[in-house]
PDB file of N, CA and C in Angstrom:
ATOM      1  N   MET A   1       4.505 280.389   3.479  1.00  0.00           N
ATOM      2  CA  MET A   1       5.278 280.138   4.685  1.00  0.00           C
ATOM      3  C   MET A   1       4.352 279.867   5.867  1.00  0.00           C
ATOM      4  N   ASN A   2       3.258 280.623   5.979  1.00  0.00           N
ATOM      5  CA  ASN A   2       2.327 280.417   7.079  1.00  0.00           C
ATOM      6  C   ASN A   2       1.707 279.041   7.018  1.00  0.00           C
ATOM      7  N   THR A   3       1.431 278.555   5.820  1.00  0.00           N
ATOM      8  CA  THR A   3       0.840 277.232   5.664  1.00  0.00           C
ATOM      9  C   THR A   3       1.785 276.168   6.204  1.00  0.00           C
ATOM     10  N   ILE A   4       3.065 276.292   5.900  1.00  0.00           N
ATOM     11  CA  ILE A   4       4.050 275.318   6.363  1.00  0.00           C
ATOM     12  C   ILE A   4       4.128 275.351   7.886  1.00  0.00           C
ATOM     13  N   GLU A   5       4.126 276.552   8.459  1.00  0.00           N
ATOM     14  CA  GLU A   5       4.200 276.659   9.910  1.00  0.00           C
ATOM     15  C   GLU A   5       2.959 276.060  10.561  1.00  0.00           C
ATOM     16  N   LEU A   6       1.788 276.306   9.958  1.00  0.00           N
ATOM     17  CA  LEU A   6       0.560 275.750  10.520  1.00  0.00           C
ATOM     18  C   LEU A   6       0.577 274.235  10.462  1.00  0.00           C
ATOM     19  N   GLU A   7       1.054 273.678   9.348  1.00  0.00           N
ATOM     20  CA  GLU A   7       1.149 272.223   9.242  1.00  0.00           C
ATOM     21  C   GLU A   7       2.124 271.679  10.271  1.00  0.00           C
ATOM     22  N   SER A   8       3.219 272.384  10.487  1.00  0.00           N
ATOM     23  CA  SER A   8       4.196 271.959  11.486  1.00  0.00           C
ATOM     24  C   SER A   8       3.579 272.011  12.878  1.00  0.00           C
ATOM     25  N   ASP A   9       2.817 273.082  13.167  1.00  0.00           N
ATOM     26  CA  ASP A   9       2.155 273.198  14.467  1.00  0.00           C
ATOM     27  C   ASP A   9       1.158 272.070  14.662  1.00  0.00           C
ATOM     28  N   LYS A  10       0.415 271.736  13.617  1.00  0.00           N
ATOM     29  CA  LYS A  10      -0.547 270.641  13.710  1.00  0.00           C
ATOM     30  C   LYS A  10       0.177 269.325  13.980  1.00  0.00           C
ATOM     31  N   GLY A  11       1.305 269.121  13.307  1.00  0.00           N
ATOM     32  CA  GLY A  11       2.091 267.904  13.504  1.00  0.00           C
ATOM     33  C   GLY A  11       2.617 267.807  14.924  1.00  0.00           C
ATOM     34  N   MET A  12       3.078 268.934  15.465  1.00  0.00           N
ATOM     35  CA  MET A  12       3.581 268.940  16.841  1.00  0.00           C
ATOM     36  C   MET A  12       2.441 268.681  17.823  1.00  0.00           C
ATOM     37  N   LYS A  13       1.247 269.246  17.563  1.00  0.00           N
ATOM     38  CA  LYS A  13       0.097 269.003  18.434  1.00  0.00           C
ATOM     39  C   LYS A  13      -0.258 267.528  18.406  1.00  0.00           C
ATOM     40  N   ARG A  14      -0.281 266.945  17.201  1.00  0.00           N
ATOM     41  CA  ARG A  14      -0.595 265.522  17.090  1.00  0.00           C
ATOM     42  C   ARG A  14       0.460 264.691  17.802  1.00  0.00           C
ATOM     43  N   LEU A  15       1.729 265.070  17.655  1.00  0.00           N
ATOM     44  CA  LEU A  15       2.805 264.340  18.326  1.00  0.00           C
ATOM     45  C   LEU A  15       2.645 264.439  19.831  1.00  0.00           C
ATOM     46  N   SER A  16       2.279 265.612  20.325  1.00  0.00           N
ATOM     47  CA  SER A  16       2.051 265.796  21.754  1.00  0.00           C
ATOM     48  C   SER A  16       0.878 264.948  22.230  1.00  0.00           C
ATOM     49  N   ASP A  17      -0.193 264.891  21.421  1.00  0.00           N
ATOM     50  CA  ASP A  17      -1.340 264.049  21.767  1.00  0.00           C
ATOM     51  C   ASP A  17      -0.932 262.583  21.788  1.00  0.00           C
ATOM     52  N   GLU A  18      -0.100 262.172  20.835  1.00  0.00           N
ATOM     53  CA  GLU A  18       0.332 260.782  20.756  1.00  0.00           C
ATOM     54  C   GLU A  18       1.188 260.415  21.966  1.00  0.00           C
ATOM     55  N   VAL A  19       2.057 261.338  22.398  1.00  0.00           N
ATOM     56  CA  VAL A  19       2.887 261.075  23.573  1.00  0.00           C
ATOM     57  C   VAL A  19       2.000 260.902  24.794  1.00  0.00           C
ATOM     58  N   THR A  20       0.985 261.746  24.918  1.00  0.00           N
ATOM     59  CA  THR A  20       0.052 261.633  26.040  1.00  0.00           C
ATOM     60  C   THR A  20      -0.663 260.289  25.985  1.00  0.00           C
ATOM     61  N   LYS A  21      -1.057 259.870  24.799  1.00  0.00           N
ATOM     62  CA  LYS A  21      -1.721 258.581  24.642  1.00  0.00           C
ATOM     63  C   LYS A  21      -0.778 257.446  25.022  1.00  0.00           C
ATOM     64  N   GLU A  22       0.495 257.580  24.647  1.00  0.00           N
ATOM     65  CA  GLU A  22       1.480 256.551  25.009  1.00  0.00           C
ATOM     66  C   GLU A  22       1.610 256.449  26.525  1.00  0.00           C
ATOM     67  N   GLN A  23       1.652 257.582  27.198  1.00  0.00           N
ATOM     68  CA  GLN A  23       1.752 257.577  28.656  1.00  0.00           C
ATOM     69  C   GLN A  23       0.506 256.953  29.269  1.00  0.00           C
ATOM     70  N   LEU A  24      -0.658 257.290  28.709  1.00  0.00           N
ATOM     71  CA  LEU A  24      -1.909 256.725  29.202  1.00  0.00           C
ATOM     72  C   LEU A  24      -1.931 255.214  29.003  1.00  0.00           C
ATOM     73  N   MET A  25      -1.464 254.758  27.851  1.00  0.00           N
ATOM     74  CA  MET A  25      -1.435 253.323  27.586  1.00  0.00           C
ATOM     75  C   MET A  25      -0.475 252.614  28.535  1.00  0.00           C
ATOM     76  N   ALA A  26       0.664 253.214  28.798  1.00  0.00           N
ATOM     77  CA  ALA A  26       1.628 252.609  29.725  1.00  0.00           C
ATOM     78  C   ALA A  26       1.026 252.505  31.126  1.00  0.00           C
ATOM     79  N   ASP A  27       0.358 253.560  31.561  1.00  0.00           N
ATOM     80  CA  ASP A  27      -0.290 253.523  32.870  1.00  0.00           C
ATOM     81  C   ASP A  27      -1.393 252.476  32.905  1.00  0.00           C
ATOM     82  N   PHE A  28      -2.127 252.365  31.818  1.00  0.00           N
ATOM     83  CA  PHE A  28      -3.212 251.396  31.749  1.00  0.00           C
ATOM     84  C   PHE A  28      -2.671 249.967  31.788  1.00  0.00           C
ATOM     85  N   MET A  29      -1.524 249.748  31.159  1.00  0.00           N
ATOM     86  CA  MET A  29      -0.904 248.416  31.195  1.00  0.00           C
ATOM     87  C   MET A  29      -0.530 248.048  32.635  1.00  0.00           C
ATOM     88  N   VAL A  30      -0.075 249.019  33.408  1.00  0.00           N
ATOM     89  CA  VAL A  30       0.255 248.769  34.811  1.00  0.00           C
ATOM     90  C   VAL A  30      -1.007 248.379  35.583  1.00  0.00           C
ATOM     91  N   VAL A  31      -2.105 249.078  35.318  1.00  0.00           N
ATOM     92  CA  VAL A  31      -3.369 248.755  35.978  1.00  0.00           C
ATOM     93  C   VAL A  31      -3.819 247.348  35.596  1.00  0.00           C
ATOM     94  N   LEU A  32      -3.678 246.996  34.320  1.00  0.00           N
ATOM     95  CA  LEU A  32      -4.045 245.646  33.885  1.00  0.00           C
ATOM     96  C   LEU A  32      -3.204 244.586  34.590  1.00  0.00           C
ATOM     97  N   ALA A  33      -1.912 244.839  34.707  1.00  0.00           N
ATOM     98  CA  ALA A  33      -1.039 243.878  35.379  1.00  0.00           C
ATOM     99  C   ALA A  33      -1.439 243.719  36.843  1.00  0.00           C
ATOM    100  N   ASP A  34      -1.773 244.827  37.484  1.00  0.00           N
ATOM    101  CA  ASP A  34      -2.216 244.765  38.879  1.00  0.00           C
ATOM    102  C   ASP A  34      -3.528 243.997  39.010  1.00  0.00           C
ATOM    103  N   ALA A  35      -4.449 244.221  38.079  1.00  0.00           N
ATOM    104  CA  ALA A  35      -5.729 243.515  38.107  1.00  0.00           C
ATOM    105  C   ALA A  35      -5.520 242.013  37.913  1.00  0.00           C
ATOM    106  N   GLU A  36      -4.609 241.642  37.001  1.00  0.00           N
ATOM    107  CA  GLU A  36      -4.304 240.219  36.806  1.00  0.00           C
ATOM    108  C   GLU A  36      -3.709 239.613  38.072  1.00  0.00           C
ATOM    109  N   ALA A  37      -2.812 240.342  38.703  1.00  0.00           N
ATOM    110  CA  ALA A  37      -2.207 239.843  39.945  1.00  0.00           C
ATOM    111  C   ALA A  37      -3.267 239.661  41.024  1.00  0.00           C
ATOM    112  N   LEU A  38      -4.214 240.587  41.101  1.00  0.00           N
ATOM    113  CA  LEU A  38      -5.297 240.470  42.073  1.00  0.00           C
ATOM    114  C   LEU A  38      -6.163 239.248  41.781  1.00  0.00           C
ATOM    115  N   LEU A  39      -6.452 239.018  40.503  1.00  0.00           N
ATOM    116  CA  LEU A  39      -7.250 237.842  40.136  1.00  0.00           C
ATOM    117  C   LEU A  39      -6.519 236.548  40.490  1.00  0.00           C
ATOM    118  N   LYS A  40      -5.226 236.511  40.229  1.00  0.00           N
ATOM    119  CA  LYS A  40      -4.448 235.313  40.549  1.00  0.00           C
ATOM    120  C   LYS A  40      -4.376 235.089  42.060  1.00  0.00           C
ATOM    121  N   ALA A  41      -4.243 236.189  42.797  1.00  0.00           N
ATOM    122  CA  ALA A  41      -4.150 236.073  44.257  1.00  0.00           C
ATOM    123  C   ALA A  41      -5.467 235.594  44.862  1.00  0.00           C
ATOM    124  N   SER A  42      -6.577 235.938  44.237  1.00  0.00           N
ATOM    125  CA  SER A  42      -7.873 235.532  44.777  1.00  0.00           C
ATOM    126  C   SER A  42      -8.368 234.215  44.179  1.00  0.00           C
ATOM    127  N   ALA A  43      -7.544 233.548  43.393  1.00  0.00           N
ATOM    128  CA  ALA A  43      -7.955 232.311  42.728  1.00  0.00           C
ATOM    129  C   ALA A  43      -8.271 231.204  43.720  1.00  0.00           C
ATOM    130  N   ASN A  44      -7.611 231.198  44.855  1.00  0.00           N
ATOM    131  CA  ASN A  44      -7.823 230.147  45.842  1.00  0.00           C
ATOM    132  C   ASN A  44      -9.025 230.404  46.744  1.00  0.00           C
ATOM    133  N   GLN A  45      -9.616 231.571  46.648  1.00  0.00           N
ATOM    134  CA  GLN A  45     -10.778 231.899  47.465  1.00  0.00           C
ATOM    135  C   GLN A  45     -12.000 231.146  46.936  1.00  0.00           C
ATOM    136  N   GLY A  46     -12.833 230.669  47.808  1.00  0.00           N
ATOM    137  CA  GLY A  46     -13.986 229.869  47.419  1.00  0.00           C
ATOM    138  C   GLY A  46     -15.204 230.719  47.120  1.00  0.00           C
ATOM    139  N   GLY A  47     -16.255 230.035  46.725  1.00  0.00           N
ATOM    140  CA  GLY A  47     -17.516 230.705  46.479  1.00  0.00           C
ATOM    141  C   GLY A  47     -17.848 230.747  45.003  1.00  0.00           C
ATOM    142  N   GLU A  48     -19.086 230.349  44.721  1.00  0.00           N
ATOM    143  CA  GLU A  48     -19.524 230.308  43.326  1.00  0.00           C
ATOM    144  C   GLU A  48     -19.633 231.720  42.749  1.00  0.00           C
ATOM    145  N   LYS A  49     -20.138 232.663  43.531  1.00  0.00           N
ATOM    146  CA  LYS A  49     -20.303 234.042  43.068  1.00  0.00           C
ATOM    147  C   LYS A  49     -18.943 234.674  42.766  1.00  0.00           C
ATOM    148  N   LEU A  50     -17.955 234.428  43.625  1.00  0.00           N
ATOM    149  CA  LEU A  50     -16.618 234.956  43.413  1.00  0.00           C
ATOM    150  C   LEU A  50     -15.995 234.364  42.153  1.00  0.00           C
ATOM    151  N   ALA A  51     -16.198 233.082  41.923  1.00  0.00           N
ATOM    152  CA  ALA A  51     -15.668 232.439  40.716  1.00  0.00           C
ATOM    153  C   ALA A  51     -16.308 233.040  39.469  1.00  0.00           C
ATOM    154  N   GLU A  52     -17.588 233.334  39.544  1.00  0.00           N
ATOM    155  CA  GLU A  52     -18.292 233.932  38.398  1.00  0.00           C
ATOM    156  C   GLU A  52     -17.758 235.337  38.106  1.00  0.00           C
ATOM    157  N   VAL A  53     -17.583 236.113  39.159  1.00  0.00           N
ATOM    158  CA  VAL A  53     -17.045 237.470  38.998  1.00  0.00           C
ATOM    159  C   VAL A  53     -15.619 237.417  38.467  1.00  0.00           C
ATOM    160  N   ARG A  54     -14.808 236.492  38.980  1.00  0.00           N
ATOM    161  CA  ARG A  54     -13.427 236.346  38.532  1.00  0.00           C
ATOM    162  C   ARG A  54     -13.371 235.984  37.049  1.00  0.00           C
ATOM    163  N   ALA A  55     -14.236 235.067  36.617  1.00  0.00           N
ATOM    164  CA  ALA A  55     -14.268 234.661  35.204  1.00  0.00           C
ATOM    165  C   ALA A  55     -14.659 235.840  34.318  1.00  0.00           C
ATOM    166  N   LYS A  56     -15.629 236.623  34.760  1.00  0.00           N
ATOM    167  CA  LYS A  56     -16.059 237.793  33.990  1.00  0.00           C
ATOM    168  C   LYS A  56     -14.932 238.820  33.912  1.00  0.00           C
ATOM    169  N   ALA A  57     -14.236 239.030  35.025  1.00  0.00           N
ATOM    170  CA  ALA A  57     -13.119 239.981  35.046  1.00  0.00           C
ATOM    171  C   ALA A  57     -11.978 239.516  34.145  1.00  0.00           C
ATOM    172  N   GLU A  58     -11.688 238.224  34.155  1.00  0.00           N
ATOM    173  CA  GLU A  58     -10.629 237.694  33.289  1.00  0.00           C
ATOM    174  C   GLU A  58     -10.979 237.879  31.817  1.00  0.00           C
ATOM    175  N   GLU A  59     -12.236 237.670  31.468  1.00  0.00           N
ATOM    176  CA  GLU A  59     -12.677 237.859  30.084  1.00  0.00           C
ATOM    177  C   GLU A  59     -12.567 239.328  29.688  1.00  0.00           C
ATOM    178  N   SER A  60     -12.961 240.201  30.584  1.00  0.00           N
ATOM    179  CA  SER A  60     -12.850 241.639  30.320  1.00  0.00           C
ATOM    180  C   SER A  60     -11.388 242.041  30.131  1.00  0.00           C
ATOM    181  N   LEU A  61     -10.511 241.495  30.953  1.00  0.00           N
ATOM    182  CA  LEU A  61      -9.082 241.798  30.821  1.00  0.00           C
ATOM    183  C   LEU A  61      -8.533 241.319  29.482  1.00  0.00           C
ATOM    184  N   ARG A  62      -8.932 240.133  29.049  1.00  0.00           N
ATOM    185  CA  ARG A  62      -8.475 239.632  27.748  1.00  0.00           C
ATOM    186  C   ARG A  62      -8.950 240.544  26.617  1.00  0.00           C
ATOM    187  N   THR A  63     -10.196 240.980  26.691  1.00  0.00           N
ATOM    188  CA  THR A  63     -10.746 241.865  25.664  1.00  0.00           C
ATOM    189  C   THR A  63     -10.007 243.198  25.632  1.00  0.00           C
ATOM    190  N   VAL A  64      -9.781 243.768  26.808  1.00  0.00           N
ATOM    191  CA  VAL A  64      -9.088 245.051  26.885  1.00  0.00           C
ATOM    192  C   VAL A  64      -7.655 244.926  26.389  1.00  0.00           C
ATOM    193  N   LYS A  65      -6.986 243.839  26.740  1.00  0.00           N
ATOM    194  CA  LYS A  65      -5.608 243.631  26.278  1.00  0.00           C
ATOM    195  C   LYS A  65      -5.548 243.554  24.755  1.00  0.00           C
ATOM    196  N   ALA A  66      -6.498 242.858  24.149  1.00  0.00           N
ATOM    197  CA  ALA A  66      -6.518 242.742  22.686  1.00  0.00           C
ATOM    198  C   ALA A  66      -6.742 244.109  22.042  1.00  0.00           C
ATOM    199  N   LYS A  67      -7.680 244.869  22.570  1.00  0.00           N
ATOM    200  CA  LYS A  67      -7.943 246.203  22.031  1.00  0.00           C
ATOM    201  C   LYS A  67      -6.743 247.119  22.236  1.00  0.00           C
ATOM    202  N   LEU A  68      -6.116 247.006  23.390  1.00  0.00           N
ATOM    203  CA  LEU A  68      -4.956 247.839  23.691  1.00  0.00           C
ATOM    204  C   LEU A  68      -3.792 247.512  22.759  1.00  0.00           C
ATOM    205  N   ALA A  69      -3.598 246.250  22.454  1.00  0.00           N
ATOM    206  CA  ALA A  69      -2.523 245.859  21.531  1.00  0.00           C
ATOM    207  C   ALA A  69      -2.772 246.465  20.155  1.00  0.00           C
ATOM    208  N   GLY A  70      -4.014 246.441  19.697  1.00  0.00           N
ATOM    209  CA  GLY A  70      -4.350 247.048  18.405  1.00  0.00           C
ATOM    210  C   GLY A  70      -4.134 248.548  18.416  1.00  0.00           C
ATOM    211  N   THR A  71      -4.524 249.193  19.496  1.00  0.00           N
ATOM    212  CA  THR A  71      -4.341 250.637  19.626  1.00  0.00           C
ATOM    213  C   THR A  71      -2.865 250.990  19.674  1.00  0.00           C
ATOM    214  N   GLN A  72      -2.096 250.180  20.360  1.00  0.00           N
ATOM    215  CA  GLN A  72      -0.661 250.443  20.461  1.00  0.00           C
ATOM    216  C   GLN A  72      -0.003 250.349  19.085  1.00  0.00           C
ATOM    217  N   THR A  73      -0.390 249.362  18.295  1.00  0.00           N
ATOM    218  CA  THR A  73       0.158 249.218  16.955  1.00  0.00           C
ATOM    219  C   THR A  73      -0.196 250.427  16.095  1.00  0.00           C
ATOM    220  N   LEU A  74      -1.444 250.856  16.179  1.00  0.00           N
ATOM    221  CA  LEU A  74      -1.890 252.023  15.422  1.00  0.00           C
ATOM    222  C   LEU A  74      -1.154 253.275  15.879  1.00  0.00           C
ATOM    223  N   LEU A  75      -0.977 253.421  17.185  1.00  0.00           N
ATOM    224  CA  LEU A  75      -0.275 254.580  17.727  1.00  0.00           C
ATOM    225  C   LEU A  75       1.174 254.619  17.255  1.00  0.00           C
ATOM    226  N   LEU A  76       1.831 253.484  17.249  1.00  0.00           N
ATOM    227  CA  LEU A  76       3.211 253.435  16.771  1.00  0.00           C
ATOM    228  C   LEU A  76       3.304 253.810  15.297  1.00  0.00           C
ATOM    229  N   ALA A  77       2.350 253.356  14.502  1.00  0.00           N
ATOM    230  CA  ALA A  77       2.341 253.691  13.074  1.00  0.00           C
ATOM    231  C   ALA A  77       2.139 255.192  12.875  1.00  0.00           C
ATOM    232  N   LYS A  78       1.216 255.781  13.639  1.00  0.00           N
ATOM    233  CA  LYS A  78       0.973 257.224  13.518  1.00  0.00           C
ATOM    234  C   LYS A  78       2.189 258.019  13.975  1.00  0.00           C
ATOM    235  N   THR A  79       2.816 257.582  15.052  1.00  0.00           N
ATOM    236  CA  THR A  79       4.006 258.269  15.549  1.00  0.00           C
ATOM    237  C   THR A  79       5.121 258.222  14.516  1.00  0.00           C
ATOM    238  N   LYS A  80       5.276 257.076  13.870  1.00  0.00           N
ATOM    239  CA  LYS A  80       6.294 256.946  12.824  1.00  0.00           C
ATOM    240  C   LYS A  80       5.997 257.891  11.668  1.00  0.00           C
ATOM    241  N   THR A  81       4.723 258.010  11.303  1.00  0.00           N
ATOM    242  CA  THR A  81       4.336 258.911  10.213  1.00  0.00           C
ATOM    243  C   THR A  81       4.665 260.360  10.562  1.00  0.00           C
ATOM    244  N   VAL A  82       4.332 260.778  11.783  1.00  0.00           N
ATOM    245  CA  VAL A  82       4.624 262.150  12.211  1.00  0.00           C
ATOM    246  C   VAL A  82       6.130 262.377  12.251  1.00  0.00           C
ATOM    247  N   THR A  83       6.861 261.406  12.739  1.00  0.00           N
ATOM    248  CA  THR A  83       8.320 261.523  12.792  1.00  0.00           C
ATOM    249  C   THR A  83       8.910 261.643  11.391  1.00  0.00           C
ATOM    250  N   ASP A  84       8.430 260.825  10.468  1.00  0.00           N
ATOM    251  CA  ASP A  84       8.926 260.889   9.085  1.00  0.00           C
ATOM    252  C   ASP A  84       8.585 262.228   8.434  1.00  0.00           C
ATOM    253  N   THR A  85       7.380 262.730   8.707  1.00  0.00           N
ATOM    254  CA  THR A  85       6.975 264.025   8.151  1.00  0.00           C
ATOM    255  C   THR A  85       7.852 265.145   8.694  1.00  0.00           C
ATOM    256  N   THR A  86       8.110 265.114   9.994  1.00  0.00           N
ATOM    257  CA  THR A  86       8.964 266.125  10.610  1.00  0.00           C
ATOM    258  C   THR A  86      10.378 266.046  10.053  1.00  0.00           C
ATOM    259  N   ASP A  87      10.882 264.832   9.903  1.00  0.00           N
ATOM    260  CA  ASP A  87      12.225 264.637   9.351  1.00  0.00           C
ATOM    261  C   ASP A  87      12.311 265.181   7.928  1.00  0.00           C
ATOM    262  N   ALA A  88      11.300 264.904   7.117  1.00  0.00           N
ATOM    263  CA  ALA A  88      11.285 265.395   5.736  1.00  0.00           C
ATOM    264  C   ALA A  88      11.224 266.924   5.724  1.00  0.00           C
ATOM    265  N   TYR A  89      10.417 267.518   6.603  1.00  0.00           N
ATOM    266  CA  TYR A  89      10.315 268.975   6.660  1.00  0.00           C
ATOM    267  C   TYR A  89      11.664 269.591   7.026  1.00  0.00           C
ATOM    268  N   VAL A  90      12.324 269.019   8.022  1.00  0.00           N
ATOM    269  CA  VAL A  90      13.614 269.566   8.453  1.00  0.00           C
ATOM    270  C   VAL A  90      14.652 269.438   7.339  1.00  0.00           C
ATOM    271  N   HIS A  91      14.631 268.323   6.618  1.00  0.00           N
ATOM    272  CA  HIS A  91      15.583 268.163   5.522  1.00  0.00           C
ATOM    273  C   HIS A  91      15.262 269.094   4.351  1.00  0.00           C
ATOM    274  N   ASP A  92      13.992 269.345   4.098  1.00  0.00           N
ATOM    275  CA  ASP A  92      13.610 270.230   2.998  1.00  0.00           C
ATOM    276  C   ASP A  92      13.770 271.700   3.361  1.00  0.00           C
ATOM    277  N   ASN A  93      13.636 272.046   4.615  1.00  0.00           N
ATOM    278  CA  ASN A  93      13.686 273.444   5.076  1.00  0.00           C
ATOM    279  C   ASN A  93      14.608 273.572   6.284  1.00  0.00           C
ATOM    280  N   PRO A  94      15.902 273.364   6.110  1.00  0.00           N
ATOM    281  CA  PRO A  94      16.784 273.380   7.280  1.00  0.00           C
ATOM    282  C   PRO A  94      16.833 274.735   7.990  1.00  0.00           C
ATOM    283  N   TRP A  95      16.824 275.835   7.221  1.00  0.00           N
ATOM    284  CA  TRP A  95      16.916 277.145   7.850  1.00  0.00           C
ATOM    285  C   TRP A  95      15.639 277.487   8.613  1.00  0.00           C
ATOM    286  N   SER A  96      14.516 277.077   8.101  1.00  0.00           N
ATOM    287  CA  SER A  96      13.263 277.300   8.831  1.00  0.00           C
ATOM    288  C   SER A  96      13.275 276.510  10.136  1.00  0.00           C
ATOM    289  N   ALA A  97      13.758 275.266  10.072  1.00  0.00           N
ATOM    290  CA  ALA A  97      13.821 274.436  11.273  1.00  0.00           C
ATOM    291  C   ALA A  97      14.766 275.049  12.300  1.00  0.00           C
ATOM    292  N   ILE A  98      15.886 275.592  11.830  1.00  0.00           N
ATOM    293  CA  ILE A  98      16.834 276.239  12.740  1.00  0.00           C
ATOM    294  C   ILE A  98      16.186 277.472  13.358  1.00  0.00           C
ATOM    295  N   GLY A  99      15.471 278.241  12.557  1.00  0.00           N
ATOM    296  CA  GLY A  99      14.788 279.432  13.055  1.00  0.00           C
ATOM    297  C   GLY A  99      13.730 279.090  14.093  1.00  0.00           C
ATOM    298  N   ILE A 100      12.941 278.059  13.806  1.00  0.00           N
ATOM    299  CA  ILE A 100      11.904 277.628  14.753  1.00  0.00           C
ATOM    300  C   ILE A 100      12.546 277.160  16.049  1.00  0.00           C
ATOM    301  N   SER A 101      13.622 276.372  15.929  1.00  0.00           N
ATOM    302  CA  SER A 101      14.313 275.879  17.123  1.00  0.00           C
ATOM    303  C   SER A 101      14.896 277.032  17.939  1.00  0.00           C
ATOM    304  N   ALA A 102      15.479 278.014  17.244  1.00  0.00           N
ATOM    305  CA  ALA A 102      16.042 279.169  17.947  1.00  0.00           C
ATOM    306  C   ALA A 102      14.937 279.955  18.648  1.00  0.00           C
ATOM    307  N   GLY A 103      13.798 280.117  17.990  1.00  0.00           N
ATOM    308  CA  GLY A 103      12.671 280.828  18.594  1.00  0.00           C
ATOM    309  C   GLY A 103      12.147 280.115  19.823  1.00  0.00           C
ATOM    310  N   VAL A 104      12.009 278.811  19.730  1.00  0.00           N
ATOM    311  CA  VAL A 104      11.545 278.022  20.877  1.00  0.00           C
ATOM    312  C   VAL A 104      12.564 278.107  22.008  1.00  0.00           C
ATOM    313  N   GLY A 105      13.844 278.018  21.673  1.00  0.00           N
ATOM    314  CA  GLY A 105      14.890 278.136  22.690  1.00  0.00           C
ATOM    315  C   GLY A 105      14.879 279.499  23.365  1.00  0.00           C
ATOM    316  N   LEU A 106      14.678 280.551  22.575  1.00  0.00           N
ATOM    317  CA  LEU A 106      14.606 281.901  23.125  1.00  0.00           C
ATOM    318  C   LEU A 106      13.405 282.038  24.053  1.00  0.00           C
ATOM    319  N   LEU A 107      12.264 281.519  23.633  1.00  0.00           N
ATOM    320  CA  LEU A 107      11.051 281.580  24.450  1.00  0.00           C
ATOM    321  C   LEU A 107      11.241 280.837  25.775  1.00  0.00           C
ATOM    322  N   ILE A 108      11.824 279.657  25.708  1.00  0.00           N
ATOM    323  CA  ILE A 108      12.081 278.893  26.932  1.00  0.00           C
ATOM    324  C   ILE A 108      13.065 279.635  27.834  1.00  0.00           C
ATOM    325  N   GLY A 109      14.109 280.218  27.227  1.00  0.00           N
ATOM    326  CA  GLY A 109      15.070 280.990  28.002  1.00  0.00           C
ATOM    327  C   GLY A 109      14.438 282.173  28.700  1.00  0.00           C
ATOM    328  N   LEU A 110      13.538 282.871  27.995  1.00  0.00           N
ATOM    329  CA  LEU A 110      12.844 283.997  28.609  1.00  0.00           C
ATOM    330  C   LEU A 110      11.955 283.555  29.754  1.00  0.00           C
ATOM    331  N   LEU A 111      11.260 282.442  29.559  1.00  0.00           N
ATOM    332  CA  LEU A 111      10.377 281.925  30.620  1.00  0.00           C
ATOM    333  C   LEU A 111      11.166 281.479  31.847  1.00  0.00           C
ATOM    334  N   ILE A 112      12.303 280.839  31.616  1.00  0.00           N
ATOM    335  CA  ILE A 112      13.132 280.398  32.736  1.00  0.00           C
ATOM    336  C   ILE A 112      13.756 281.612  33.437  1.00  0.00           C
ATOM    337  N   GLY A 113      14.142 282.617  32.678  1.00  0.00           N
ATOM    338  CA  GLY A 113      14.756 283.821  33.237  1.00  0.00           C
ATOM    339  C   GLY A 113      13.821 284.620  34.107  1.00  0.00           C
ATOM    340  N   ARG A 114      12.523 284.478  33.918  1.00  0.00           N
ATOM    341  CA  ARG A 114      11.543 285.231  34.712  1.00  0.00           C
ATOM    342  C   ARG A 114      11.415 284.703  36.132  1.00  0.00           C
ATOM    343  N   ARG A 115      11.853 283.526  36.394  1.00  0.00           N
ATOM    344  CA  ARG A 115      11.719 282.943  37.729  1.00  0.00           C
ATOM    345  C   ARG A 115      12.553 283.674  38.669  1.00  0.00           C
TER     346      ARG A 115
END
């Protein structure tokens, strides 16, 4: 029983890490969009040095976008795996899942009641 609980805890930790990564990726996409908008807005500005910096920044943005797309695909696959594992565990051990949920609910209730 302890082994199953430990595996479940590990799965929840990984799921929590994945959610954090998803939030980080979403925030990073916003930063990328802002950087692209800045590059487009400065496109009409003159100067050879500025054009060189702009070209380098555009190349960096393309590289980061490609890497981010690959990471996002991998993250979605891992999230699906964790979700499927959790679903299988709940279907195989419904009473354990109910007990864990009740325990978590009780703990949250106690924490909220202390305020």
